[in-house]
């Protein structure tokens, strides 16, 4: 069986087309709105333990409202804490 000859032009075209393809993918990723940037502006990441029931309720409320889980939790806590503070003044 004869060994195929190396074609430098063909190899170059394959490399260039793969680079152009990956650049196009990267450009598409960059043009999408980033959820992380919106969620992290002016906020600090914290961890808390929640029951499965609360997680389920948050997921349902998030689906109904169209808000992210982070935004929903933040708004809910703000409203609750404002109420508690106002009651205890």
N, C-alpha and C. Protein backbone atom coordinates (compact mmCIF):
# COMPACT_ATOMS: atom_id res chain seq x y z
N UNK A 1 0.84 -1.17 0.00
CA UNK A 1 0.00 0.00 0.00
C UNK A 1 0.89 1.24 0.00
N UNK A 2 0.60 2.12 -0.90
CA UNK A 2 1.41 3.34 -1.03
C UNK A 2 0.99 4.36 0.01
N UNK A 3 2.01 5.00 0.55
CA UNK A 3 1.79 6.04 1.55
C UNK A 3 1.26 7.29 0.85
N UNK A 4 0.19 7.92 1.40
CA UNK A 4 -0.28 9.15 0.77
C UNK A 4 0.74 10.26 0.91
N UNK A 5 0.84 11.08 -0.12
CA UNK A 5 1.79 12.19 -0.09
C UNK A 5 1.23 13.33 0.76
N UNK A 6 2.12 14.00 1.45
CA UNK A 6 1.75 15.15 2.26
C UNK A 6 1.53 16.34 1.35
N UNK A 7 0.38 16.94 1.45
CA UNK A 7 0.05 18.11 0.65
C UNK A 7 0.02 19.33 1.57
N UNK A 8 1.07 20.15 1.57
CA UNK A 8 1.12 21.29 2.47
C UNK A 8 -0.01 22.30 2.25
N UNK A 9 -0.43 22.50 1.01
CA UNK A 9 -1.53 23.44 0.73
C UNK A 9 -2.83 22.95 1.36
N UNK A 10 -3.10 21.68 1.23
CA UNK A 10 -4.31 21.11 1.80
C UNK A 10 -4.28 21.19 3.33
N UNK A 11 -3.13 20.89 3.91
CA UNK A 11 -2.98 20.96 5.36
C UNK A 11 -3.18 22.39 5.85
N UNK A 12 -2.62 23.34 5.13
CA UNK A 12 -2.77 24.75 5.50
C UNK A 12 -4.24 25.18 5.44
N UNK A 13 -4.93 24.77 4.39
CA UNK A 13 -6.35 25.13 4.24
C UNK A 13 -7.18 24.55 5.39
N UNK A 14 -6.87 23.33 5.80
CA UNK A 14 -7.61 22.72 6.91
C UNK A 14 -7.36 23.48 8.21
N UNK A 15 -6.11 23.85 8.43
CA UNK A 15 -5.77 24.58 9.65
C UNK A 15 -6.45 25.95 9.66
N UNK A 16 -6.39 26.66 8.55
CA UNK A 16 -6.98 27.99 8.46
C UNK A 16 -8.50 27.91 8.63
N UNK A 17 -9.14 26.92 7.99
CA UNK A 17 -10.59 26.83 8.11
C UNK A 17 -11.00 26.48 9.54
N UNK A 18 -10.23 25.67 10.25
CA UNK A 18 -10.53 25.36 11.65
C UNK A 18 -10.35 26.60 12.51
N UNK A 19 -9.32 27.40 12.26
CA UNK A 19 -9.11 28.64 13.02
C UNK A 19 -10.25 29.62 12.78
N UNK A 20 -10.68 29.75 11.52
CA UNK A 20 -11.79 30.65 11.21
C UNK A 20 -13.07 30.18 11.87
N UNK A 21 -13.27 28.86 11.90
CA UNK A 21 -14.46 28.29 12.52
C UNK A 21 -14.46 28.56 14.03
N UNK A 22 -13.31 28.36 14.68
CA UNK A 22 -13.24 28.60 16.12
C UNK A 22 -13.36 30.09 16.45
N UNK A 23 -12.84 30.96 15.57
CA UNK A 23 -13.00 32.40 15.77
C UNK A 23 -14.47 32.79 15.67
N UNK A 24 -15.17 32.19 14.71
CA UNK A 24 -16.59 32.48 14.54
C UNK A 24 -17.37 32.04 15.78
N UNK A 25 -17.03 30.90 16.33
CA UNK A 25 -17.68 30.40 17.54
C UNK A 25 -17.40 31.34 18.70
N UNK A 26 -16.15 31.77 18.86
CA UNK A 26 -15.79 32.69 19.94
C UNK A 26 -16.52 34.03 19.79
N UNK A 27 -16.63 34.52 18.55
CA UNK A 27 -17.34 35.78 18.31
C UNK A 27 -18.81 35.63 18.70
N UNK A 28 -19.40 34.49 18.37
CA UNK A 28 -20.80 34.25 18.71
C UNK A 28 -20.98 34.20 20.22
N UNK A 29 -20.03 33.58 20.92
CA UNK A 29 -20.11 33.52 22.38
C UNK A 29 -19.99 34.91 22.98
N UNK A 30 -19.10 35.74 22.42
CA UNK A 30 -18.90 37.09 22.93
C UNK A 30 -20.11 37.98 22.69
N UNK A 31 -20.87 37.72 21.63
CA UNK A 31 -22.01 38.58 21.31
C UNK A 31 -23.24 38.24 22.14
N UNK A 32 -23.27 37.06 22.77
CA UNK A 32 -24.41 36.70 23.61
C UNK A 32 -24.35 37.49 24.91
N UNK A 33 -25.52 37.89 25.42
CA UNK A 33 -25.50 38.57 26.71
C UNK A 33 -25.06 37.60 27.81
N UNK A 34 -24.21 38.07 28.66
CA UNK A 34 -23.68 37.22 29.71
C UNK A 34 -24.52 37.35 30.97
N UNK A 35 -25.09 36.25 31.42
CA UNK A 35 -25.87 36.26 32.65
C UNK A 35 -24.97 36.51 33.85
N UNK A 36 -23.77 35.99 33.76
CA UNK A 36 -22.87 36.11 34.89
C UNK A 36 -22.52 37.57 35.17
N UNK A 37 -22.27 38.34 34.13
CA UNK A 37 -21.93 39.75 34.33
C UNK A 37 -23.08 40.48 35.01
N UNK A 38 -24.31 40.23 34.57
CA UNK A 38 -25.46 40.89 35.17
C UNK A 38 -25.61 40.50 36.63
N UNK A 39 -25.41 39.22 36.92
CA UNK A 39 -25.62 38.73 38.28
C UNK A 39 -24.52 39.19 39.22
N UNK A 40 -23.33 39.44 38.71
CA UNK A 40 -22.21 39.74 39.59
C UNK A 40 -21.97 41.22 39.81
N UNK A 41 -22.59 42.08 39.02
CA UNK A 41 -22.36 43.51 39.17
C UNK A 41 -22.95 43.99 40.49
N UNK A 42 -22.09 44.48 41.37
CA UNK A 42 -22.53 45.03 42.64
C UNK A 42 -23.03 44.00 43.63
N UNK A 43 -22.71 42.73 43.41
CA UNK A 43 -23.16 41.69 44.32
C UNK A 43 -21.97 40.88 44.83
N UNK A 44 -22.23 40.07 45.83
CA UNK A 44 -21.22 39.20 46.39
C UNK A 44 -21.80 37.80 46.47
N UNK A 45 -21.04 36.81 46.05
CA UNK A 45 -21.53 35.44 46.07
C UNK A 45 -21.52 34.90 47.49
N UNK A 46 -22.64 34.29 47.90
CA UNK A 46 -22.78 33.70 49.23
C UNK A 46 -23.36 32.30 49.05
N UNK A 47 -23.18 31.45 50.06
CA UNK A 47 -23.74 30.10 50.02
C UNK A 47 -24.62 29.89 51.24
N UNK A 48 -25.81 29.33 51.01
CA UNK A 48 -26.73 29.02 52.07
C UNK A 48 -27.36 27.66 51.79
N UNK A 49 -27.78 26.99 52.85
CA UNK A 49 -28.43 25.69 52.70
C UNK A 49 -29.94 25.89 52.65
N UNK A 50 -30.58 25.29 51.65
CA UNK A 50 -32.02 25.39 51.48
C UNK A 50 -32.61 23.98 51.41
N UNK A 51 -33.84 23.86 51.88
CA UNK A 51 -34.52 22.56 51.82
C UNK A 51 -34.94 22.28 50.38
N UNK A 52 -35.13 21.02 50.04
CA UNK A 52 -35.60 20.70 48.68
C UNK A 52 -36.93 21.37 48.34
N UNK A 53 -37.80 21.54 49.34
CA UNK A 53 -39.09 22.19 49.10
C UNK A 53 -38.91 23.65 48.68
N UNK A 54 -38.01 24.35 49.35
CA UNK A 54 -37.76 25.76 49.01
C UNK A 54 -37.13 25.86 47.62
N UNK A 55 -36.22 24.97 47.31
CA UNK A 55 -35.58 24.96 45.99
C UNK A 55 -36.62 24.73 44.91
N UNK A 56 -37.55 23.81 45.17
CA UNK A 56 -38.61 23.53 44.20
C UNK A 56 -39.48 24.77 44.00
N UNK A 57 -39.88 25.41 45.10
CA UNK A 57 -40.70 26.62 45.02
C UNK A 57 -39.97 27.74 44.28
N UNK A 58 -38.68 27.88 44.55
CA UNK A 58 -37.88 28.90 43.85
C UNK A 58 -37.84 28.63 42.34
N UNK A 59 -37.66 27.38 41.99
CA UNK A 59 -37.60 27.01 40.57
C UNK A 59 -38.92 27.31 39.87
N UNK A 60 -40.03 26.98 40.54
CA UNK A 60 -41.35 27.25 39.96
C UNK A 60 -41.58 28.75 39.82
N UNK A 61 -41.28 29.50 40.89
CA UNK A 61 -41.45 30.95 40.85
C UNK A 61 -40.55 31.58 39.79
N UNK A 62 -39.35 31.06 39.63
CA UNK A 62 -38.43 31.56 38.61
C UNK A 62 -39.00 31.34 37.21
N UNK A 63 -39.58 30.18 37.00
CA UNK A 63 -40.17 29.88 35.69
C UNK A 63 -41.36 30.79 35.41
N UNK A 64 -42.21 31.02 36.41
CA UNK A 64 -43.37 31.89 36.23
C UNK A 64 -42.96 33.33 35.97
N UNK A 65 -41.98 33.81 36.71
CA UNK A 65 -41.61 35.22 36.63
C UNK A 65 -40.62 35.53 35.51
N UNK A 66 -39.89 34.52 35.06
CA UNK A 66 -38.86 34.74 34.04
C UNK A 66 -37.58 35.31 34.62
N UNK A 67 -37.49 35.36 35.94
CA UNK A 67 -36.30 35.89 36.60
C UNK A 67 -35.33 34.75 36.89
N UNK A 68 -34.05 35.08 37.00
CA UNK A 68 -33.07 34.06 37.38
C UNK A 68 -33.27 33.72 38.85
N UNK A 69 -32.79 32.57 39.25
CA UNK A 69 -32.90 32.17 40.65
C UNK A 69 -32.22 33.19 41.55
N UNK A 70 -31.06 33.66 41.16
CA UNK A 70 -30.33 34.65 41.96
C UNK A 70 -31.13 35.93 42.13
N UNK A 71 -31.71 36.43 41.04
CA UNK A 71 -32.50 37.66 41.12
C UNK A 71 -33.73 37.46 41.99
N UNK A 72 -34.37 36.30 41.85
CA UNK A 72 -35.56 36.02 42.62
C UNK A 72 -35.25 35.94 44.11
N UNK A 73 -34.17 35.24 44.46
CA UNK A 73 -33.77 35.14 45.87
C UNK A 73 -33.41 36.52 46.41
N UNK A 74 -32.66 37.29 45.64
CA UNK A 74 -32.26 38.62 46.09
C UNK A 74 -33.48 39.51 46.33
N UNK A 75 -34.40 39.54 45.39
CA UNK A 75 -35.60 40.37 45.55
C UNK A 75 -36.44 39.91 46.74
N UNK A 76 -36.58 38.59 46.89
CA UNK A 76 -37.37 38.06 48.00
C UNK A 76 -36.76 38.42 49.34
N UNK A 77 -35.45 38.28 49.45
CA UNK A 77 -34.78 38.63 50.70
C UNK A 77 -34.87 40.13 50.98
N UNK A 78 -34.70 40.95 49.96
CA UNK A 78 -34.82 42.39 50.15
C UNK A 78 -36.20 42.76 50.69
N UNK A 79 -37.25 42.21 50.07
CA UNK A 79 -38.62 42.51 50.51
C UNK A 79 -38.85 42.03 51.94
N UNK A 80 -38.42 40.82 52.24
CA UNK A 80 -38.62 40.27 53.58
C UNK A 80 -37.85 41.08 54.62
N UNK A 81 -36.60 41.36 54.34
CA UNK A 81 -35.78 42.09 55.31
C UNK A 81 -36.27 43.53 55.51
N UNK A 82 -36.73 44.17 54.44
CA UNK A 82 -37.31 45.51 54.59
C UNK A 82 -38.51 45.46 55.51
N UNK A 83 -39.34 44.43 55.35
CA UNK A 83 -40.53 44.27 56.18
C UNK A 83 -40.14 44.05 57.65
N UNK A 84 -39.18 43.18 57.91
CA UNK A 84 -38.73 42.89 59.27
C UNK A 84 -38.16 44.15 59.92
N UNK A 85 -37.34 44.88 59.19
CA UNK A 85 -36.73 46.09 59.73
C UNK A 85 -37.79 47.13 60.04
N UNK A 86 -38.76 47.28 59.13
CA UNK A 86 -39.82 48.26 59.34
C UNK A 86 -40.67 47.91 60.57
N UNK A 87 -40.96 46.63 60.76
CA UNK A 87 -41.76 46.19 61.89
C UNK A 87 -41.05 46.40 63.22
N UNK A 88 -39.74 46.36 63.22
CA UNK A 88 -38.97 46.45 64.46
C UNK A 88 -38.43 47.84 64.76
N UNK A 89 -38.85 48.83 64.01
CA UNK A 89 -38.39 50.20 64.26
C UNK A 89 -39.08 50.77 65.47
